[in-house]
């Protein structure tokens, strides 16, 4: 076989090798004879094909759930439901992937064709969007509940998540075209009365389902702080007020009580009362850094469907018994 001379020819050759190996199930020695190279070169070409994205491998694993912990969470906090994913040994680095699968499972359980779905932002929500695999179009309206974080967070920012989810579910996206945190309450109030933003917020109030992250107020875990969206001074102010976490930028302490009123006043986000009127509020969060925030969110009623991992669920239940 002629050797490639251009990048495009090289990619075509890699694709040929990959198809023979993965689809036609030829072994590497047989492919080497066809191509006219050594077996070791075929092995390197298969690695190159994966590295360049010509080959995408996906491992499908059935989601295992801890029903005993789920029942304990539902009974202790009066939840509609809980999804506690069982992490496989050595999989701590893939916790987001597991949470994403659990979040996708919970969302598809509550979502019906024609529904209005409100969505926040964050890495766990992004993982859930990645994991969702609908079997048919839902024709839903997907509404951004929280303003934009900025251009540097385009993967898990609300606007991008609405767009990706709309493509997957076959729905229509509705966007909050304004910053999440404003300079002062007056600016935030003015934006809320801008017609396009007002319309989106009004539609968000009608959501039947909300897909939500649970953020941490601890400096080492705070997405706002790590993204440079709030200053150290402002983060410290929230912590002094007792904040342990937030949902949609609405901060609360470990007892679930509202804190950070100034922060709320400057935020372009769904109002707390409107959020609480959404029938199914699915919170997706896990990891030991989220134990306090999850406990506060559950006590405060911010979420009524929890998706988490087994280790986090146990610690939340232990913590509530200690207090």
Protein backbone atom coordinates (compact mmCIF):
# COMPACT_ATOMS: atom_id res chain seq x y z
CA UNK A 1 0.00 0.00 0.00
CA UNK A 2 1.39 3.46 -0.90
CA UNK A 3 2.67 5.42 2.08
CA UNK A 4 0.81 8.66 2.92
CA UNK A 5 2.42 12.00 2.10
CA UNK A 6 -0.13 14.48 3.49
CA UNK A 7 -1.86 14.77 6.90
CA UNK A 8 -5.18 13.85 5.28
CA UNK A 9 -3.68 10.74 3.71
CA UNK A 10 -2.19 9.82 7.09
CA UNK A 11 -5.57 10.13 8.81
CA UNK A 12 -7.21 8.04 6.08
CA UNK A 13 -4.59 5.34 6.61
CA UNK A 14 -5.14 5.40 10.37
CA UNK A 15 -8.89 5.09 9.78
CA UNK A 16 -8.32 2.11 7.45
CA UNK A 17 -6.19 0.37 10.06
CA UNK A 18 -8.73 1.09 12.80
CA UNK A 19 -11.63 -0.23 10.72
CA UNK A 20 -9.79 -3.45 9.93
CA UNK A 21 -8.90 -3.97 13.59
CA UNK A 22 -12.07 -2.88 15.40
CA UNK A 23 -14.82 -3.51 12.83
CA UNK A 24 -13.48 -6.34 10.65
CA UNK A 25 -11.73 -7.98 13.63
CA UNK A 26 -8.48 -8.64 11.76
CA UNK A 27 -5.47 -9.19 14.00
CA UNK A 28 -2.51 -6.81 13.93
CA UNK A 29 -0.23 -9.25 12.06
CA UNK A 30 -2.78 -9.63 9.25
CA UNK A 31 -3.22 -5.85 8.99
CA UNK A 32 0.55 -5.44 8.89
CA UNK A 33 0.75 -7.74 5.86
CA UNK A 34 -2.01 -5.79 4.08
CA UNK A 35 -0.47 -2.39 4.82
CA UNK A 36 3.09 -3.51 4.24
CA UNK A 37 4.53 -2.54 7.63
CA UNK A 38 5.57 -4.30 10.82
CA UNK A 39 3.16 -5.47 13.52
CA UNK A 40 4.66 -3.02 16.03
CA UNK A 41 3.91 -0.16 13.62
CA UNK A 42 0.26 -1.25 13.48
CA UNK A 43 0.13 -1.13 17.28
CA UNK A 44 1.54 2.42 17.25
CA UNK A 45 -0.91 3.46 14.53
CA UNK A 46 -3.87 2.21 16.58
CA UNK A 47 -2.65 4.28 19.54
CA UNK A 48 -2.24 7.30 17.26
CA UNK A 49 -5.78 6.82 15.92
CA UNK A 50 -7.15 6.89 19.47
CA UNK A 51 -5.03 9.91 20.40
CA UNK A 52 -6.31 11.85 17.37
CA UNK A 53 -9.94 11.00 18.06
CA UNK A 54 -10.28 8.89 14.92
CA UNK A 55 -11.21 6.02 17.21
CA UNK A 56 -13.46 6.63 20.19
CA UNK A 57 -13.75 3.85 22.73
CA UNK A 58 -16.67 3.64 25.14
CA UNK A 59 -17.05 1.19 27.99
CA UNK A 60 -20.66 0.58 28.98
CA UNK A 61 -21.11 -0.39 32.62
CA UNK A 62 -24.50 -0.86 34.24
CA UNK A 63 -25.03 1.68 36.99
CA UNK A 64 -25.03 -0.01 40.39
CA UNK A 65 -27.05 1.65 43.13
CA UNK A 66 -27.07 1.31 46.91
CA UNK A 67 -30.78 0.98 47.66
CA UNK A 68 -30.26 0.81 51.42
CA UNK A 69 -28.56 4.22 51.46
CA UNK A 70 -31.18 5.59 49.07
CA UNK A 71 -33.95 4.56 51.44
CA UNK A 72 -32.11 6.04 54.42
CA UNK A 73 -31.71 9.41 52.66
CA UNK A 74 -35.34 9.52 51.53
CA UNK A 75 -36.65 8.72 55.01
CA UNK A 76 -34.26 11.02 56.87
CA UNK A 77 -34.77 14.09 54.68
CA UNK A 78 -38.24 13.50 53.23
CA UNK A 79 -36.98 13.32 49.65
CA UNK A 80 -38.98 12.24 46.63
CA UNK A 81 -36.12 9.96 45.64
CA UNK A 82 -32.38 9.37 45.93
CA UNK A 83 -29.88 7.82 43.54
CA UNK A 84 -26.75 6.58 45.33
CA UNK A 85 -24.22 5.25 42.83
CA UNK A 86 -21.83 2.49 43.84
CA UNK A 87 -18.26 3.37 42.96
CA UNK A 88 -16.06 0.54 41.75
CA UNK A 89 -12.72 -0.05 43.53
CA UNK A 90 -10.06 2.32 42.27
CA UNK A 91 -12.58 4.55 40.49
CA UNK A 92 -12.35 7.61 42.74
CA UNK A 93 -10.89 9.60 39.85
CA UNK A 94 -14.04 8.93 37.82
CA UNK A 95 -16.57 10.12 40.39
CA UNK A 96 -17.96 12.77 38.02
CA UNK A 97 -18.62 10.12 35.38
CA UNK A 98 -20.56 7.99 37.86
CA UNK A 99 -22.50 10.98 39.17
CA UNK A 100 -23.26 12.01 35.61
CA UNK A 101 -24.77 8.61 34.85
CA UNK A 102 -26.84 8.79 38.01
CA UNK A 103 -27.99 12.31 37.18
CA UNK A 104 -28.94 11.30 33.65
CA UNK A 105 -30.91 8.34 35.01
CA UNK A 106 -32.80 10.54 37.47
CA UNK A 107 -33.54 13.17 34.84
CA UNK A 108 -34.93 10.69 32.33
CA UNK A 109 -37.14 9.25 35.09
CA UNK A 110 -38.83 12.61 35.73
CA UNK A 111 -38.76 14.10 32.25
CA UNK A 112 -41.79 13.74 29.99
CA UNK A 113 -42.29 14.94 26.40
CA UNK A 114 -43.24 18.60 26.19
CA UNK A 115 -42.01 19.41 29.71
CA UNK A 116 -40.13 22.54 30.77
CA UNK A 117 -36.71 21.69 32.20
CA UNK A 118 -34.72 24.22 34.19
CA UNK A 119 -30.95 23.78 34.33
CA UNK A 120 -28.21 25.37 36.41
CA UNK A 121 -24.52 24.93 35.66
CA UNK A 122 -21.43 23.10 36.93
CA UNK A 123 -19.21 20.10 36.34
CA UNK A 124 -21.66 17.54 37.74
CA UNK A 125 -24.43 18.91 35.52
CA UNK A 126 -22.08 18.79 32.54
CA UNK A 127 -21.33 15.14 33.34
CA UNK A 128 -25.06 14.38 33.48
CA UNK A 129 -25.59 16.05 30.10
CA UNK A 130 -22.71 14.00 28.66
CA UNK A 131 -24.22 10.78 30.02
CA UNK A 132 -27.78 11.31 28.82
CA UNK A 133 -28.79 9.05 25.94
CA UNK A 134 -32.46 9.49 25.11
CA UNK A 135 -34.05 6.88 22.90
CA UNK A 136 -36.38 9.40 21.26
CA UNK A 137 -36.81 13.20 21.04
CA UNK A 138 -38.55 14.75 24.04
CA UNK A 139 -39.48 18.09 22.49
CA UNK A 140 -38.86 19.87 25.79
CA UNK A 141 -38.12 23.50 26.61
CA UNK A 142 -34.76 23.82 28.37
CA UNK A 143 -34.35 26.97 30.43
CA UNK A 144 -31.16 28.48 31.84
CA UNK A 145 -31.86 29.27 35.49
CA UNK A 146 -28.58 31.05 36.32
CA UNK A 147 -26.75 33.82 34.47
CA UNK A 148 -23.47 33.32 32.65
CA UNK A 149 -20.16 32.82 34.45
CA UNK A 150 -18.05 34.08 31.57
CA UNK A 151 -16.21 32.95 28.46
CA UNK A 152 -13.59 30.91 30.34
CA UNK A 153 -16.18 28.38 31.56
CA UNK A 154 -17.74 27.47 28.24
CA UNK A 155 -17.88 23.72 28.92
CA UNK A 156 -20.04 23.78 32.05
CA UNK A 157 -21.54 27.27 31.87
CA UNK A 158 -25.33 27.42 31.72
CA UNK A 159 -25.57 28.64 28.12
CA UNK A 160 -23.40 25.81 26.79
CA UNK A 161 -25.25 23.19 28.84
CA UNK A 162 -28.64 24.35 27.59
CA UNK A 163 -27.38 24.17 24.01
CA UNK A 164 -25.91 20.67 24.42
CA UNK A 165 -28.97 19.32 26.21
CA UNK A 166 -31.33 20.82 23.65
CA UNK A 167 -29.43 19.01 20.90
CA UNK A 168 -29.58 15.71 22.78
CA UNK A 169 -33.23 15.91 23.80
CA UNK A 170 -34.51 17.48 20.62
CA UNK A 171 -35.72 20.55 22.46
CA UNK A 172 -35.65 24.33 22.38
CA UNK A 173 -33.20 26.29 24.53
CA UNK A 174 -33.99 29.52 26.40
CA UNK A 175 -31.08 31.59 27.67
CA UNK A 176 -30.30 34.13 30.41
CA UNK A 177 -28.20 36.55 28.42
CA UNK A 178 -26.59 38.34 31.33
CA UNK A 179 -23.84 37.82 33.93
CA UNK A 180 -24.54 35.70 36.98
CA UNK A 181 -23.05 38.20 39.44
CA UNK A 182 -23.52 41.93 38.92
CA UNK A 183 -21.60 44.86 40.36
CA UNK A 184 -24.47 46.02 42.55
CA UNK A 185 -28.13 45.14 43.30
CA UNK A 186 -29.38 47.98 41.08
CA UNK A 187 -27.66 46.54 38.01
CA UNK A 188 -29.06 43.08 38.74
CA UNK A 189 -32.56 44.48 39.19
CA UNK A 190 -32.30 46.41 35.94
CA UNK A 191 -31.25 43.27 34.08
CA UNK A 192 -34.16 41.32 35.56
CA UNK A 193 -36.51 43.80 33.91
CA UNK A 194 -34.82 43.48 30.50
CA UNK A 195 -37.47 41.82 28.35
CA UNK A 196 -35.47 38.81 27.12
CA UNK A 197 -34.14 38.05 30.61
CA UNK A 198 -37.55 38.62 32.17
CA UNK A 199 -39.13 36.19 29.69
CA UNK A 200 -36.55 33.50 30.45
CA UNK A 201 -36.98 33.91 34.21
CA UNK A 202 -40.76 33.70 33.81
CA UNK A 203 -40.43 30.50 31.79
CA UNK A 204 -38.04 29.07 34.39
CA UNK A 205 -40.76 29.48 37.02
CA UNK A 206 -42.90 27.06 35.04
CA UNK A 207 -40.33 24.25 35.05
CA UNK A 208 -41.61 20.83 36.06
CA UNK A 209 -38.05 19.52 36.54
CA UNK A 210 -34.77 21.22 37.47
CA UNK A 211 -31.27 19.76 37.08
CA UNK A 212 -29.08 21.39 39.73
CA UNK A 213 -25.56 21.27 41.11
CA UNK A 214 -24.75 21.79 44.77
CA UNK A 215 -21.81 24.14 45.18
CA UNK A 216 -19.39 24.46 48.08
CA UNK A 217 -18.46 27.71 49.82
CA UNK A 218 -15.08 26.34 50.96
CA UNK A 219 -12.29 28.17 49.13
CA UNK A 220 -10.62 24.96 47.93
CA UNK A 221 -13.86 23.67 46.40
CA UNK A 222 -15.82 26.80 45.42
CA UNK A 223 -16.36 26.91 41.67
CA UNK A 224 -16.90 30.67 41.86
CA UNK A 225 -13.59 31.17 43.63
CA UNK A 226 -11.61 28.70 41.50
CA UNK A 227 -12.96 30.31 38.34
CA UNK A 228 -11.92 33.73 39.61
CA UNK A 229 -15.51 34.89 39.61
CA UNK A 230 -15.51 36.11 43.20
CA UNK A 231 -12.68 37.62 45.19
CA UNK A 232 -11.07 36.09 48.25
CA UNK A 233 -12.58 38.93 50.27
CA UNK A 234 -16.10 38.12 49.07
CA UNK A 235 -15.59 34.40 49.60
CA UNK A 236 -14.42 35.04 53.15
CA UNK A 237 -17.46 37.24 53.75
CA UNK A 238 -19.78 34.40 52.74
CA UNK A 239 -17.94 31.98 54.99
CA UNK A 240 -18.13 34.35 57.96
CA UNK A 241 -21.88 34.50 57.40
CA UNK A 242 -21.95 30.73 57.80
CA UNK A 243 -22.31 29.73 54.14
CA UNK A 244 -21.40 26.12 53.39
CA UNK A 245 -22.86 25.85 49.92
CA UNK A 246 -25.27 27.08 47.28
CA UNK A 247 -27.81 25.98 44.70
CA UNK A 248 -28.25 28.34 41.74
CA UNK A 249 -26.05 30.85 43.57
CA UNK A 250 -28.43 30.92 46.54
CA UNK A 251 -26.22 30.36 49.58
CA UNK A 252 -27.19 28.60 52.80
CA UNK A 253 -25.58 27.42 56.03
CA UNK A 254 -25.37 23.84 57.31
CA UNK A 255 -28.87 24.10 58.74
CA UNK A 256 -30.23 25.16 55.34
CA UNK A 257 -30.85 28.78 56.40
CA UNK A 258 -30.43 31.62 53.90
CA UNK A 259 -27.15 33.54 54.08
CA UNK A 260 -25.36 36.04 51.85
CA UNK A 261 -28.29 38.35 51.13
CA UNK A 262 -26.02 40.90 49.43
CA UNK A 263 -24.70 38.17 47.12
CA UNK A 264 -28.26 37.11 46.29
CA UNK A 265 -29.29 40.67 45.55
CA UNK A 266 -26.51 41.00 42.98
CA UNK A 267 -27.16 37.62 41.36
CA UNK A 268 -29.03 37.03 38.14
CA UNK A 269 -30.70 33.75 39.02
CA UNK A 270 -34.06 32.17 39.71
CA UNK A 271 -35.73 33.41 42.89
CA UNK A 272 -35.70 30.97 45.80
CA UNK A 273 -39.49 30.82 46.09
CA UNK A 274 -39.78 30.12 42.36
CA UNK A 275 -37.12 27.43 42.58
CA UNK A 276 -38.95 25.71 45.42
CA UNK A 277 -42.17 25.60 43.37
CA UNK A 278 -40.50 23.33 40.80
CA UNK A 279 -41.92 19.86 41.56
CA UNK A 280 -38.75 17.80 40.92
CA UNK A 281 -35.45 19.47 41.92
CA UNK A 282 -32.63 17.05 41.13
CA UNK A 283 -29.37 17.85 42.92
CA UNK A 284 -26.24 16.13 41.61
CA UNK A 285 -23.14 16.28 43.84
CA UNK A 286 -20.57 13.99 45.40
CA UNK A 287 -17.19 13.80 47.08
CA UNK A 288 -16.20 14.56 50.66
CA UNK A 289 -15.90 18.27 49.87
CA UNK A 290 -19.63 18.33 49.18
CA UNK A 291 -20.84 16.66 52.41
CA UNK A 292 -21.59 19.93 54.24
CA UNK A 293 -23.17 21.60 51.19
CA UNK A 294 -25.36 18.56 50.51
CA UNK A 295 -26.51 18.47 54.12
CA UNK A 296 -27.41 22.18 54.01
CA UNK A 297 -29.21 21.79 50.68
CA UNK A 298 -31.26 18.86 52.00
CA UNK A 299 -32.15 20.56 55.27
CA UNK A 300 -33.11 23.73 53.43
CA UNK A 301 -35.23 21.89 50.87
CA UNK A 302 -33.28 23.18 47.88
CA UNK A 303 -33.32 19.73 46.28
CA UNK A 304 -35.84 16.95 46.75
CA UNK A 305 -34.11 14.35 44.57
CA UNK A 306 -30.47 13.68 45.43
CA UNK A 307 -27.88 12.01 43.21
CA UNK A 308 -24.62 11.21 45.00
CA UNK A 309 -22.09 8.45 45.64
CA UNK A 310 -22.09 5.92 48.46
CA UNK A 311 -19.20 7.34 50.46
CA UNK A 312 -20.72 10.83 50.44
CA UNK A 313 -24.18 9.51 51.32
CA UNK A 314 -22.83 7.67 54.36
CA UNK A 315 -20.96 10.73 55.58
CA UNK A 316 -24.04 12.96 55.19
CA UNK A 317 -26.11 10.52 57.23
CA UNK A 318 -23.39 10.24 59.86
CA UNK A 319 -23.03 14.01 60.07
CA UNK A 320 -26.73 14.63 60.59
CA UNK A 321 -26.77 12.08 63.42
CA UNK A 322 -23.79 13.79 65.11
CA UNK A 323 -25.62 17.12 65.33
